[in-house]
Amino acid sequence: MKREDLTEKLLDIKREKGWSWKHIHEEIGGLSPFLITAACMGQMKLPKSRPSGRPSSSASPPPRSGCSTSRPIAARSRPCRPPTR
């Protein structure tokens, strides 16, 4: 089955059942609503590995590898000036 065919099939099911994109995202969960919508529209692929189950709203995401967990560097202490022409 081609990607275009699958997109049409998904859109037909969405229309038949009267689902919104928000409803679809809530049912799938774990990913950005924009990513899920784009994947359903055939514009991009979903990642192969997905977290098992839905993340709880109080859980913080795991730290990224290679990223520091320390506080971010403070902004410069100079006052902001409008851009020059």
Protein backbone atom coordinates (compact mmCIF):
# COMPACT_ATOMS: atom_id res chain seq x y z
CA MET A 1 0.00 0.00 0.00
CA LYS A 2 1.33 3.41 -0.93
CA ARG A 3 1.56 6.27 1.54
CA GLU A 4 -1.11 8.22 -0.36
CA ASP A 5 -3.51 5.26 -0.16
CA LEU A 6 -2.98 4.91 3.57
CA THR A 7 -3.53 8.66 4.07
CA GLU A 8 -6.85 8.47 2.19
CA LYS A 9 -7.90 5.44 4.24
CA LEU A 10 -7.07 7.21 7.52
CA LEU A 11 -8.92 10.36 6.46
CA ASP A 12 -11.97 8.29 5.43
CA ILE A 13 -12.05 6.60 8.86
CA LYS A 14 -11.62 9.98 10.58
CA ARG A 15 -14.59 11.42 8.64
CA GLU A 16 -16.80 8.34 9.12
CA LYS A 17 -16.29 8.29 12.87
CA GLY A 18 -16.40 12.07 13.28
CA TRP A 19 -13.05 12.18 15.04
CA SER A 20 -11.05 15.38 15.49
CA TRP A 21 -7.26 15.56 15.35
CA LYS A 22 -7.34 16.29 19.06
CA HIS A 23 -9.25 13.04 19.69
CA ILE A 24 -6.75 11.05 17.61
CA HIS A 25 -3.81 12.60 19.47
CA GLU A 26 -5.39 11.84 22.86
CA GLU A 27 -5.93 8.20 21.85
CA ILE A 28 -2.39 7.71 20.54
CA GLY A 29 -0.61 9.91 23.11
CA GLY A 30 3.11 10.13 23.81
CA LEU A 31 3.95 12.26 20.79
CA SER A 32 3.43 15.83 19.64
CA PRO A 33 -0.01 16.48 18.14
CA PHE A 34 1.72 18.11 15.16
CA LEU A 35 3.84 15.00 14.59
CA ILE A 36 0.83 12.68 14.77
CA THR A 37 -1.23 14.84 12.40
CA ALA A 38 1.64 15.15 9.90
CA ALA A 39 2.22 11.39 10.02
CA CYS A 40 -1.49 10.69 9.41
CA MET A 41 -1.42 13.09 6.47
CA GLY A 42 1.56 11.23 5.00
CA GLN A 43 3.91 14.19 5.37
CA MET A 44 6.40 12.51 7.71
CA LYS A 45 7.14 9.23 9.46
CA LEU A 46 6.64 8.42 13.12
CA PRO A 47 9.73 7.42 15.11
CA LYS A 48 10.26 3.66 15.33
CA SER A 49 10.69 3.60 19.09
CA ARG A 50 7.87 5.08 21.16
CA PRO A 51 7.51 5.23 24.90
CA SER A 52 5.38 2.42 26.28
CA GLY A 53 2.09 3.72 27.63
CA ARG A 54 1.13 7.33 28.02
CA PRO A 55 3.40 9.58 30.02
CA SER A 56 1.86 10.99 33.16
CA SER A 57 1.37 14.74 33.20
CA SER A 58 3.46 15.09 36.36
CA ALA A 59 6.42 13.10 35.07
CA SER A 60 9.32 15.10 33.76
CA PRO A 61 10.91 13.97 30.50
CA PRO A 62 14.17 12.06 30.79
CA PRO A 63 17.31 14.16 30.29
CA ARG A 64 18.74 14.11 26.80
CA SER A 65 22.05 12.39 26.35
CA GLY A 66 24.90 14.86 26.03
CA CYS A 67 22.91 17.69 27.58
CA SER A 68 23.86 19.33 30.81
CA THR A 69 21.35 19.20 33.66
CA SER A 70 22.83 22.29 35.29
CA ARG A 71 21.21 25.72 35.17
CA PRO A 72 21.33 27.55 31.85
CA ILE A 73 23.83 30.34 31.42
CA ALA A 74 22.37 33.71 32.44
CA ALA A 75 21.66 36.25 29.74
CA ARG A 76 24.06 39.10 29.24
CA SER A 77 23.73 41.90 31.71
CA ARG A 78 23.71 44.59 28.99
CA PRO A 79 20.40 46.34 28.48
CA CYS A 80 18.48 45.52 25.34
CA ARG A 81 18.73 48.04 22.55
CA PRO A 82 16.64 48.29 19.41
CA PRO A 83 18.32 47.02 16.25
CA THR A 84 20.32 49.54 14.27
CA ARG A 85 19.67 50.21 10.63
